[in-house]
Protein backbone atom coordinates (compact mmCIF):
# COMPACT_ATOMS: atom_id res chain seq x y z
CA MET A 1 73.35 93.30 124.21
CA ASN A 2 76.81 92.49 122.72
CA LEU A 3 79.54 91.48 124.67
CA ILE A 4 81.27 95.08 124.25
CA ASN A 5 77.66 96.78 125.39
CA ARG A 6 77.69 94.11 128.38
CA SER A 7 81.14 95.09 129.29
CA ILE A 8 80.31 99.22 128.90
CA PHE A 9 77.17 98.75 130.94
CA LEU A 10 78.67 97.39 134.02
CA PHE A 11 81.55 100.54 134.41
CA LEU A 12 78.18 102.88 133.60
CA ALA A 13 76.29 101.12 136.07
CA ILE A 14 79.14 101.41 138.78
CA GLY A 15 79.80 105.09 137.63
CA LEU A 16 76.09 106.20 138.30
CA ALA A 17 76.15 104.75 141.82
CA ALA A 18 79.27 106.53 142.55
CA CYS A 19 78.17 109.50 141.60
CA ASN A 20 74.27 109.16 143.25
CA LYS A 21 74.08 111.31 146.06
CA ASN A 22 71.19 109.96 147.48
CA LEU A 23 72.45 106.99 148.02
CA LEU A 24 73.85 106.00 150.87
CA ASP A 25 78.20 106.82 151.08
CA THR A 26 78.34 103.18 152.63
CA ALA A 27 80.75 101.57 150.11
CA PRO A 28 83.88 102.11 148.72
CA THR A 29 83.16 103.69 145.02
CA ASP A 30 86.94 102.84 143.56
CA ARG A 31 86.09 99.02 143.47
CA LEU A 32 82.97 96.41 142.92
CA ALA A 33 81.96 95.96 146.65
CA VAL A 34 82.25 92.01 147.30
CA ASN A 35 78.81 92.26 149.41
CA ILE A 36 77.05 93.93 146.71
CA PHE A 37 78.48 92.12 143.71
CA TRP A 38 79.65 88.86 142.62
CA LYS A 39 75.35 87.63 143.65
CA THR A 40 74.28 86.42 140.25
CA GLU A 41 74.98 84.98 136.58
CA ALA A 42 74.06 88.76 135.41
CA ASP A 43 77.52 89.81 137.72
CA ALA A 44 79.73 86.99 136.64
CA LYS A 45 79.03 87.87 133.13
CA LEU A 46 79.32 91.56 133.12
CA ALA A 47 83.01 91.17 135.43
CA VAL A 48 83.90 88.77 132.72
CA ASN A 49 83.18 90.85 129.79
CA ALA A 50 84.84 93.86 131.29
CA LEU A 51 88.22 91.86 131.19
CA TYR A 52 87.86 92.12 127.62
CA GLN A 53 88.44 95.81 127.66
CA ASP A 54 92.64 95.27 128.46
CA LEU A 55 93.20 93.73 125.15
CA ASP A 56 95.32 94.83 122.82
CA SER A 57 93.76 97.39 120.48
CA THR A 58 96.20 100.02 117.80
CA ASN A 59 98.80 99.58 120.46
CA ILE A 60 99.70 96.69 117.79
CA LEU A 61 100.21 99.11 114.58
CA ALA A 62 102.61 100.44 116.89
CA LEU A 63 104.55 97.92 117.52
CA ASP A 64 105.29 97.31 113.81
CA ALA A 65 106.57 100.34 113.20
CA LEU A 66 109.16 99.45 115.80
CA THR A 67 110.35 97.18 112.89
CA ASP A 68 112.04 96.99 109.35
CA ILE A 69 108.82 97.02 107.62
CA GLY A 70 107.07 99.98 109.13
CA HIS A 71 108.45 103.14 110.96
CA THR A 72 106.90 106.12 113.41
CA ASN A 73 106.08 108.57 110.67
CA GLN A 74 106.90 111.77 113.21
CA ASN A 75 110.73 111.77 114.60
CA PHE A 76 109.60 113.31 117.86
CA ASP A 77 107.20 110.84 118.65
CA VAL A 78 108.62 108.65 121.68
CA GLN A 79 108.32 105.47 119.44
CA ALA A 80 110.61 106.96 117.28
CA TYR A 81 113.37 106.97 120.02
CA VAL A 82 113.05 103.10 120.49
CA GLU A 83 113.73 102.57 116.30
CA LEU A 84 116.83 105.16 116.70
CA GLY A 85 118.22 103.01 119.54
CA THR A 86 118.56 105.59 122.04
CA TYR A 87 115.57 104.48 124.41
CA ASP A 88 116.04 103.62 128.17
CA GLN A 89 114.38 102.32 130.51
CA SER A 90 112.54 105.80 131.26
CA SER A 91 110.85 105.30 128.07
CA ALA A 92 107.07 105.93 127.68
CA LYS A 93 106.43 103.75 125.23
CA VAL A 94 108.50 100.57 127.35
CA TYR A 95 106.66 101.71 130.28
CA GLY A 96 103.13 102.06 128.95
CA GLU A 97 103.15 98.43 127.26
CA TRP A 98 104.27 97.18 130.95
CA LYS A 99 101.78 98.88 132.66
CA SER A 100 99.31 97.73 130.41
CA ALA A 101 99.67 94.81 130.45
CA TYR A 102 99.42 94.10 134.66
CA LYS A 103 96.84 96.13 134.79
CA GLY A 104 94.67 93.48 132.62
CA ILE A 105 96.51 90.67 134.95
CA HIS A 106 95.44 92.35 137.88
CA ALA A 107 91.60 92.31 136.69
CA VAL A 108 92.25 88.52 135.62
CA ASN A 109 93.26 88.26 139.16
CA TYR A 110 90.92 90.20 141.15
CA PHE A 111 88.22 88.55 139.16
CA LEU A 112 89.43 84.68 138.97
CA GLU A 113 89.68 84.95 143.12
CA ASN A 114 85.63 86.41 143.24
CA VAL A 115 83.61 84.69 140.25
CA ASP A 116 83.38 81.70 142.80
CA LYS A 117 81.43 83.36 145.16
CA VAL A 118 78.34 83.50 142.69
CA THR A 119 76.55 80.60 143.24
CA ALA A 120 73.19 80.98 141.71
CA VAL A 121 74.62 79.74 138.58
CA THR A 122 75.28 76.75 136.37
CA PRO A 123 78.55 75.77 137.12
CA ALA A 124 79.62 74.74 133.38
CA LEU A 125 79.21 78.19 132.70
CA ILE A 126 81.43 79.94 135.85
CA ASN A 127 84.19 77.52 134.44
CA GLN A 128 83.47 78.89 130.98
CA PHE A 129 84.46 82.41 132.35
CA LYS A 130 87.23 81.12 133.70
CA GLY A 131 88.42 79.92 130.71
CA GLU A 132 87.96 83.10 129.14
CA ALA A 133 89.76 85.00 131.90
CA LYS A 134 92.67 82.40 131.78
CA THR A 135 93.25 82.68 128.13
CA LEU A 136 93.10 86.91 128.90
CA ARG A 137 95.65 86.56 131.09
CA ALA A 138 97.64 83.73 129.42
CA TYR A 139 97.64 86.90 126.76
CA GLN A 140 99.13 89.57 128.67
CA TYR A 141 102.19 87.07 129.86
CA ILE A 142 102.86 86.27 126.09
CA LYS A 143 103.45 89.73 125.36
CA LEU A 144 105.31 90.38 128.39
CA ALA A 145 108.06 87.25 127.92
CA GLY A 146 108.39 88.56 124.19
CA LEU A 147 108.97 92.14 124.99
CA TYR A 148 110.85 92.10 128.19
CA GLY A 149 112.19 87.96 128.81
CA ASP A 150 112.26 87.59 132.84
CA VAL A 151 108.88 89.08 134.58
CA PRO A 152 106.87 88.80 137.61
CA LEU A 153 104.86 85.78 137.35
CA VAL A 154 101.81 87.39 139.62
CA THR A 155 98.57 85.28 139.70
CA THR A 156 97.07 86.86 142.63
CA SER A 157 95.62 89.98 143.90
CA ILE A 158 99.30 91.12 146.33
CA THR A 159 99.28 94.01 148.90
CA LEU A 160 101.66 96.96 148.52
CA GLU A 161 104.19 95.41 150.63
CA GLN A 162 104.05 92.56 148.52
CA ALA A 163 104.47 94.79 145.54
CA ARG A 164 107.49 96.19 146.54
CA ALA A 165 109.15 92.79 146.82
CA LEU A 166 108.58 91.21 143.65
CA LYS A 167 111.39 89.23 142.04
CA ARG A 168 111.34 88.53 138.29
CA THR A 169 110.51 84.95 136.98
CA PRO A 170 112.79 83.51 134.51
CA VAL A 171 111.18 83.39 130.97
CA SER A 172 110.99 79.81 130.84
CA GLU A 173 108.64 79.60 134.00
CA ILE A 174 106.98 82.09 132.34
CA TYR A 175 106.31 80.15 129.45
CA ASP A 176 105.51 77.17 131.28
CA PHE A 177 102.82 78.23 133.14
CA ILE A 178 101.21 80.05 129.87
CA ASP A 179 101.36 76.78 128.86
CA LYS A 180 99.74 75.37 131.43
CA GLU A 181 96.96 77.97 132.09
CA LEU A 182 96.07 77.76 128.25
CA ILE A 183 95.62 74.13 128.27
CA ASP A 184 93.47 74.57 131.27
CA ALA A 185 91.71 77.08 129.74
CA ALA A 186 91.24 75.44 126.66
CA ALA A 187 89.50 72.60 129.07
CA LEU A 188 86.91 75.15 130.24
CA LEU A 189 85.51 76.58 126.65
CA PRO A 190 83.16 75.38 124.19
CA ALA A 191 84.59 74.78 120.51
CA SER A 192 82.00 77.93 119.63
CA TYR A 193 79.18 80.18 120.71
CA THR A 194 75.23 80.32 118.75
CA ALA A 195 74.33 83.37 120.30
CA ALA A 196 74.68 86.77 118.75
CA ALA A 197 75.44 88.16 122.09
CA ASP A 198 78.28 86.23 122.43
CA LYS A 199 80.62 87.49 119.22
CA GLY A 200 83.92 88.18 119.96
CA ARG A 201 83.58 86.06 123.16
CA ILE A 202 86.96 83.34 123.87
CA ALA A 203 86.18 80.12 122.71
CA ARG A 204 88.33 77.02 122.65
CA GLY A 205 90.30 77.82 119.81
CA ALA A 206 91.69 80.86 121.11
CA ALA A 207 93.35 79.43 123.52
CA TRP A 208 94.64 76.74 121.51
CA ALA A 209 96.07 79.38 119.27
CA LEU A 210 97.52 81.68 121.62
CA LYS A 211 99.56 78.61 123.24
CA ALA A 212 100.58 77.86 119.73
CA ARG A 213 102.34 81.19 119.22
CA ALA A 214 103.78 81.09 122.70
CA ASP A 215 105.26 77.63 122.50
CA LEU A 216 106.43 78.92 118.91
CA PHE A 217 107.99 82.23 120.79
CA ALA A 218 109.48 80.23 123.07
CA GLY A 219 111.18 77.50 120.42
CA ARG A 220 109.34 74.58 121.62
CA TYR A 221 108.55 73.65 118.25
CA GLN A 222 106.58 70.25 119.11
CA LEU A 223 104.55 71.54 121.30
CA ALA A 224 103.93 74.93 118.77
CA ALA A 225 102.97 72.38 115.76
CA ASN A 226 100.68 70.14 118.48
CA ALA A 227 98.78 73.02 119.40
CA ALA A 228 98.23 74.50 116.02
CA THR A 229 96.91 71.11 114.90
CA GLU A 230 94.56 71.15 117.96
CA VAL A 231 93.06 74.38 115.99
CA ASN A 232 92.24 72.79 113.12
CA GLY A 233 88.81 70.65 113.63
CA LEU A 234 87.14 73.61 115.51
CA GLY A 235 85.67 75.32 112.60
CA TYR A 236 87.93 77.99 111.64
CA THR A 237 89.15 78.55 108.16
CA LEU A 238 90.66 81.56 105.64
CA TYR A 239 88.00 83.95 104.80
CA ASP A 240 87.71 84.03 100.69
CA SER A 241 88.98 87.61 100.29
CA TYR A 242 92.26 88.94 101.79
CA GLN A 243 91.44 92.39 100.33
CA LYS A 244 87.97 92.39 102.57
CA LEU A 245 89.43 90.87 105.58
CA PHE A 246 89.95 94.44 107.39
CA SER A 247 86.67 95.43 106.42
CA TYR A 248 83.27 96.01 108.11
CA ALA A 249 81.68 93.30 105.99
CA ALA A 250 84.17 90.63 106.89
CA GLU A 251 84.01 90.82 110.73
CA ASN A 252 83.38 87.81 112.86
CA ASN A 253 83.98 85.38 109.85
CA ARG A 254 85.90 82.11 110.50
CA GLU A 255 89.38 83.19 110.32
CA VAL A 256 89.13 85.46 112.94
CA ILE A 257 90.10 83.98 116.44
CA LEU A 258 90.75 86.42 118.49
CA ASP A 259 89.71 90.23 118.32
CA LYS A 260 89.04 93.50 120.31
CA GLN A 261 85.95 94.42 119.41
CA PHE A 262 84.29 97.95 118.95
CA ILE A 263 81.25 99.85 118.39
CA LYS A 264 80.81 103.34 116.68
CA ASP A 265 79.55 105.79 118.98
CA ASN A 266 79.94 103.54 122.50
CA TYR A 267 83.19 102.57 122.51
CA PRO A 268 84.95 103.42 119.17
CA ASN A 269 88.59 103.18 117.98
CA ASN A 270 90.57 106.00 115.99
CA ILE A 271 92.20 103.37 113.97
CA PHE A 272 91.13 105.85 110.91
CA SER A 273 92.56 109.17 112.17
CA ILE A 274 95.80 107.01 112.97
CA LEU A 275 96.73 105.51 109.62
CA ALA A 276 94.80 106.98 106.85
CA PRO A 277 96.81 109.75 104.61
CA TYR A 278 96.94 113.33 105.30
CA SER A 279 94.34 114.17 102.64
CA GLN A 280 91.67 112.31 104.66
CA LYS A 281 90.46 114.60 106.86
CA ASN A 282 93.71 115.08 107.95
CA GLY A 283 94.72 111.51 108.52
CA ASN A 284 97.85 111.14 111.18
CA SER A 285 99.89 108.73 109.38
CA SER A 286 101.05 107.60 112.70
CA TYR A 287 102.55 104.68 111.53
CA VAL A 288 103.72 104.13 108.11
CA PRO A 289 105.27 101.16 105.89
CA THR A 290 108.76 101.05 104.38
CA LYS A 291 110.56 100.46 101.15
CA VAL A 292 111.23 97.41 102.89
CA LEU A 293 108.00 95.88 103.19
CA ALA A 294 106.52 97.07 100.03
CA ASP A 295 109.98 95.69 98.25
CA THR A 296 109.14 92.52 99.98
CA TYR A 297 106.18 90.99 98.12
CA GLN A 298 106.96 88.96 95.25
CA THR A 299 105.93 89.38 91.77
CA LYS A 300 102.82 87.60 90.56
CA ASP A 301 105.36 84.55 89.68
CA GLY A 302 106.65 83.95 92.93
CA LYS A 303 109.77 85.83 92.17
CA ASP A 304 111.36 87.93 94.31
CA ILE A 305 111.74 91.50 92.41
CA ASN A 306 115.39 91.22 92.23
CA ALA A 307 115.41 87.51 91.00
CA GLY A 308 116.95 86.96 87.83
CA GLY A 309 113.92 86.50 85.51
CA SER A 310 111.39 88.49 87.88
CA ASN A 311 108.98 90.33 85.15
CA PHE A 312 109.58 93.48 87.95
CA ASP A 313 109.21 96.52 86.33
CA PRO A 314 110.67 99.43 88.32
CA LEU A 315 108.51 101.86 85.89
CA HIS A 316 105.16 100.23 87.48
CA PRO A 317 106.63 98.93 90.59
CA TYR A 318 103.14 97.99 91.96
CA ASP A 319 101.98 96.18 88.76
CA ASN A 320 102.36 91.94 88.46
CA ARG A 321 103.06 91.85 92.05
CA ASP A 322 101.63 89.49 95.09
CA PRO A 323 97.92 91.06 95.43
CA ARG A 324 98.63 91.86 99.08
CA LEU A 325 100.60 94.39 98.46
CA ARG A 326 97.73 96.71 96.93
CA TYR A 327 95.21 94.81 99.37
CA SER A 328 97.37 96.13 102.45
CA LEU A 329 99.55 99.52 100.90
CA PHE A 330 97.90 102.44 99.29
CA VAL A 331 100.16 103.19 96.51
CA ASP A 332 100.72 105.66 94.19
CA GLY A 333 97.33 105.76 91.85
CA ASP A 334 94.87 104.19 94.43
CA VAL A 335 91.31 105.60 94.94
CA LEU A 336 91.21 107.08 98.56
CA PRO A 337 88.12 106.86 100.49
CA SER A 338 87.09 110.71 99.77
CA GLY A 339 87.55 109.75 96.13
CA LEU A 340 91.08 111.24 95.41
CA ILE A 341 93.69 109.71 93.99
CA PHE A 342 97.05 108.79 96.33
CA HIS A 343 99.87 110.90 94.81
CA PRO A 344 102.32 110.72 97.22
CA ALA A 345 105.21 111.91 94.85
CA PRO A 346 107.12 114.84 96.43
CA ASN A 347 106.36 116.68 93.05
CA SER A 348 102.94 115.50 93.16
CA GLY A 349 101.71 119.09 94.74
CA THR A 350 98.97 116.95 96.46
CA ALA A 351 98.39 116.90 100.27
CA ASP A 352 99.70 113.86 100.64
CA ALA A 353 103.12 114.82 98.70
CA ILE A 354 106.14 114.03 101.05
CA GLY A 355 107.03 117.06 102.41
CA SER A 356 104.08 118.84 101.99
CA THR A 357 103.45 118.69 105.80
CA TYR A 358 105.57 116.76 108.59
CA ILE A 359 102.02 114.84 109.11
CA ALA A 360 102.10 113.10 105.92
CA SER A 361 103.50 109.96 104.69
CA THR A 362 107.46 110.23 105.25
CA THR A 363 107.93 106.76 103.20
CA GLY A 364 105.21 107.75 100.51
CA TYR A 365 103.32 104.47 101.28
CA ASN A 366 99.84 104.75 104.25
CA LEU A 367 98.61 101.42 105.29
CA LYS A 368 95.28 100.31 103.79
CA LYS A 369 94.52 97.75 105.93
CA TYR A 370 91.49 98.95 108.16
CA ILE A 371 90.78 102.01 106.32
CA ASN A 372 87.15 101.88 105.53
CA THR A 373 84.95 104.38 103.34
CA GLU A 374 82.41 104.25 106.37
CA ASP A 375 84.63 105.81 109.17
CA TYR A 376 85.73 108.80 106.66
CA VAL A 377 83.12 111.40 107.48
CA ASN A 378 84.20 110.57 111.34
CA PRO A 379 87.76 109.20 111.65
CA THR A 380 87.87 108.80 115.32
CA ASN A 381 84.28 107.19 116.01
CA CYS A 382 85.07 103.83 114.16
CA GLY A 383 83.20 100.55 115.32
CA ILE A 384 85.93 98.21 112.73
CA ASN A 385 87.08 95.39 115.10
CA ILE A 386 91.12 94.95 115.50
CA ILE A 387 92.31 91.36 114.57
CA LEU A 388 95.09 89.69 117.07
CA LEU A 389 94.95 86.58 115.87
CA ARG A 390 93.65 84.73 113.21
CA TYR A 391 93.47 81.40 111.23
CA ALA A 392 96.05 82.20 108.86
CA GLU A 393 98.66 82.87 111.56
CA VAL A 394 97.95 79.42 112.95
CA LEU A 395 99.22 77.46 109.58
CA LEU A 396 101.63 79.74 109.26
CA THR A 397 102.90 78.62 113.11
CA TYR A 398 101.95 75.31 112.46
CA ALA A 399 104.45 75.00 109.26
CA GLU A 400 107.65 77.15 110.73
CA ALA A 401 107.38 75.01 113.55
CA LYS A 402 107.38 71.40 111.22
CA ILE A 403 110.61 73.47 109.26
CA GLU A 404 112.69 74.07 112.66
CA LEU A 405 112.06 70.34 113.68
CA ASN A 406 113.32 69.55 110.14
CA GLN A 407 109.62 67.42 110.02
CA LEU A 408 109.42 68.65 106.23
CA ASP A 409 106.49 66.77 104.97
CA GLN A 410 103.71 67.19 102.72
CA THR A 411 101.42 68.94 105.39
CA VAL A 412 104.13 71.73 105.92
CA TYR A 413 103.64 72.70 102.30
CA ASN A 414 99.70 72.09 102.56
CA ALA A 415 99.79 75.16 105.33
CA ILE A 416 101.67 77.19 103.47
CA ASN A 417 99.59 77.01 100.18
CA ALA A 418 96.72 77.27 101.74
CA VAL A 419 97.46 80.72 102.84
CA ARG A 420 99.14 81.98 99.47
CA GLN A 421 96.35 80.34 97.91
CA ARG A 422 93.40 82.64 99.34
CA ALA A 423 91.09 82.95 96.51
CA ASP A 424 91.94 86.80 95.80
CA VAL A 425 95.67 85.98 96.39
CA ASN A 426 96.32 83.09 94.47
CA MET A 427 100.13 83.14 94.48
CA PRO A 428 102.12 80.05 93.10
CA VAL A 429 102.14 77.19 95.49
CA LEU A 430 105.53 76.09 96.27
CA PRO A 431 107.69 74.05 94.43
CA THR A 432 107.91 70.34 96.18
CA GLY A 433 111.57 69.24 97.52
CA LEU A 434 112.76 72.75 98.73
CA THR A 435 115.42 72.30 101.92
CA GLN A 436 114.76 73.37 105.40
CA SER A 437 116.32 76.81 104.55
CA GLN A 438 114.54 77.16 101.31
CA LEU A 439 111.18 76.64 103.70
CA ARG A 440 112.33 78.75 106.27
CA ASP A 441 112.92 81.57 104.10
CA ALA A 442 108.98 80.51 102.43
CA VAL A 443 107.56 80.85 105.30
CA ARG A 444 109.35 83.86 107.17
CA TYR A 445 108.14 85.52 104.11
CA GLU A 446 104.61 84.33 104.44
CA ARG A 447 104.34 85.51 107.59
CA THR A 448 105.95 89.04 106.73
CA VAL A 449 103.13 89.74 103.77
CA GLU A 450 100.76 87.75 105.78
CA LEU A 451 100.87 89.68 109.02
CA ALA A 452 101.90 93.20 107.95
CA PHE A 453 101.11 95.67 110.71
CA GLU A 454 99.20 93.11 112.88
CA GLY A 455 101.43 93.07 115.85
CA GLN A 456 103.74 89.92 115.17
CA ARG A 457 106.58 91.54 113.32
CA LEU A 458 108.45 92.73 116.02
CA TYR A 459 108.62 89.45 117.94
CA ASP A 460 109.40 87.36 114.78
CA ILE A 461 112.71 89.56 114.06
CA ARG A 462 113.61 89.04 117.58
CA ARG A 463 113.57 85.50 117.99
CA TRP A 464 114.73 84.98 114.68
CA LYS A 465 117.47 87.43 115.36
CA THR A 466 117.44 89.28 112.74
CA ALA A 467 116.76 92.44 114.28
CA GLU A 468 120.63 93.73 114.23
CA THR A 469 120.96 92.98 110.31
CA VAL A 470 117.17 94.69 109.50
CA MET A 471 117.25 97.47 112.22
CA LYS A 472 119.92 99.71 111.06
CA GLY A 473 120.51 102.51 108.74
CA PRO A 474 118.46 104.85 107.24
CA VAL A 475 114.67 104.35 106.68
CA TYR A 476 113.60 104.31 102.72
CA GLY A 477 110.46 105.29 101.03
CA ILE A 478 109.21 104.67 97.33
CA THR A 479 111.11 105.29 94.55
CA TRP A 480 109.55 108.18 92.41
CA ASN A 481 110.16 109.74 88.94
CA ASN A 482 112.09 112.89 89.83
CA ASN A 483 112.51 114.76 85.92
CA GLY A 484 113.50 111.52 84.35
CA GLN A 485 115.60 109.98 87.21
CA LEU A 486 113.82 107.21 89.17
CA THR A 487 114.92 109.12 92.94
CA THR A 488 114.34 106.69 96.21
CA VAL A 489 113.26 108.53 99.26
CA GLN A 490 115.05 108.74 102.34
CA VAL A 491 113.39 109.70 105.52
CA VAL A 492 115.25 113.05 106.66
CA SER A 493 117.91 112.76 109.51
CA PHE A 494 116.68 109.24 110.52
CA ASN A 495 119.04 106.59 111.33
CA ARG A 496 118.14 103.19 113.12
CA ALA A 497 120.68 101.74 115.71
CA PHE A 498 119.75 98.22 117.23
CA ASP A 499 122.54 97.22 119.67
CA LYS A 500 122.60 92.91 119.69
CA SER A 501 124.03 93.30 123.43
CA ARG A 502 120.78 94.83 124.81
CA HIS A 503 118.19 95.57 121.99
CA TYR A 504 116.92 91.96 121.95
CA LEU A 505 114.67 93.04 125.18
CA TRP A 506 113.42 95.81 126.71
CA PRO A 507 114.41 97.10 129.95
CA VAL A 508 112.52 96.79 133.13
CA PRO A 509 110.57 100.38 133.59
CA GLN A 510 112.67 102.38 135.84
CA LYS A 511 109.29 103.69 137.62
CA GLU A 512 108.43 99.95 138.05
CA ARG A 513 112.41 99.55 139.94
CA ASP A 514 111.98 102.71 141.86
CA LEU A 515 108.72 101.32 143.59
CA ASP A 516 110.36 98.10 143.39
CA PRO A 517 113.94 97.65 144.43
CA ALA A 518 113.62 93.96 143.87
CA LEU A 519 113.38 94.03 140.14
CA SER A 520 117.07 93.12 138.38
CA GLN A 521 117.34 94.71 135.22
CA ASN A 522 117.60 93.24 131.49
CA PRO A 523 121.44 92.82 130.28
CA ASN A 524 123.28 96.05 129.71
CA TRP A 525 120.67 98.83 130.53
């Protein structure tokens, strides 16, 4: 029984016990009663497995749709108001991310308070479970700090009265807690697992990799570089095919450091339905790439498409480009899972034509990552795992941290070139002797195209302080041949706005402040 099946079993067992009318009604049915649980190793394992359900999944795609490289396809979606800059503290999106993070934190707190009640087990195994739980709690705090800044630091179960008096902890102290939490977790976790049932379980590398991410977000560059270095030597490598990285065949490969695991029928996701073009079983095209992303991919010779001497051909815009463009996006002429050819131009007459329905992509691009032929038959019953952190990000984190420290040694080039030189990407290595500014541009390029729609772009443009520039104005899509005239699609009636005085942080949700008057608000909200 694998990790997900075990956590599912936990909830099924609890539910069946609660519904059995023949049992004496002497225990609460809305929680695990301490006097009947927390007895055995199996109890502890089931409980820690259940914590993984609070990890992010398809919502990371939605975060990228709030940036310059993505777009929330339906203008009436709650997310679209974030793009437009018209959201406020009552936003369901703002509240939803806060609520889900604290749900996960509460579950970990409860686990850590009770797991030591289990005595009939090897102490090292309990410590491993604690390491997993601490890593999962740190994951949630990294997200909260990145989105909201100062947030309440809650590390124990609290009463309703205590909850109504919580105050926000300065974000620097949140990052201090994350650092300590992940160092502690790394010491408790094994380097790897050998049992098939432990696939997807957090190992030591996840703690160090998350620490590297958190320290990069916090601007603690030396700590970020040090943490990324700790990941090296733990057996992680780049998967040889970027094209197949998000396929079933590549699941659990040695590039994946942390993912959310799913199983068809038992514990599925609906990522095919969310992302697929409309022609694919009425795919929703919920979040779509933009012209900004498509134009970012360099030509195969390593030049920007608008650079002098570039071999970019506007009549054949997807030829001779960084291969990650076609691996990541559906573009005109691609074969779809159904066998149809993707033709999104407004005059194509296909189901995917821009304007044919409000569900078809409004930019003419659809995301190819995670769209697998195996899911075409039942687009809402997908078993593909959602990658939350992989080794390529660690390499780029190391490189960026060293660049910001102005430590421009060969290891920086090695890290970036490793990502560029993946077997089926094979982009040119960086020329030597680049300045700090040039290397900064290089690593930011790699993060943009390598990690597109993997949940990192929103945090990146915030910490780089570029959001105020890139998140303004219309959203553009494909350029198509309109009766001999090249015409660029503009999403109708949609103009983004970004107020640098407040939009670098989301507001504290009003629902939380109504319940807890002690919570302060972010500036200018």
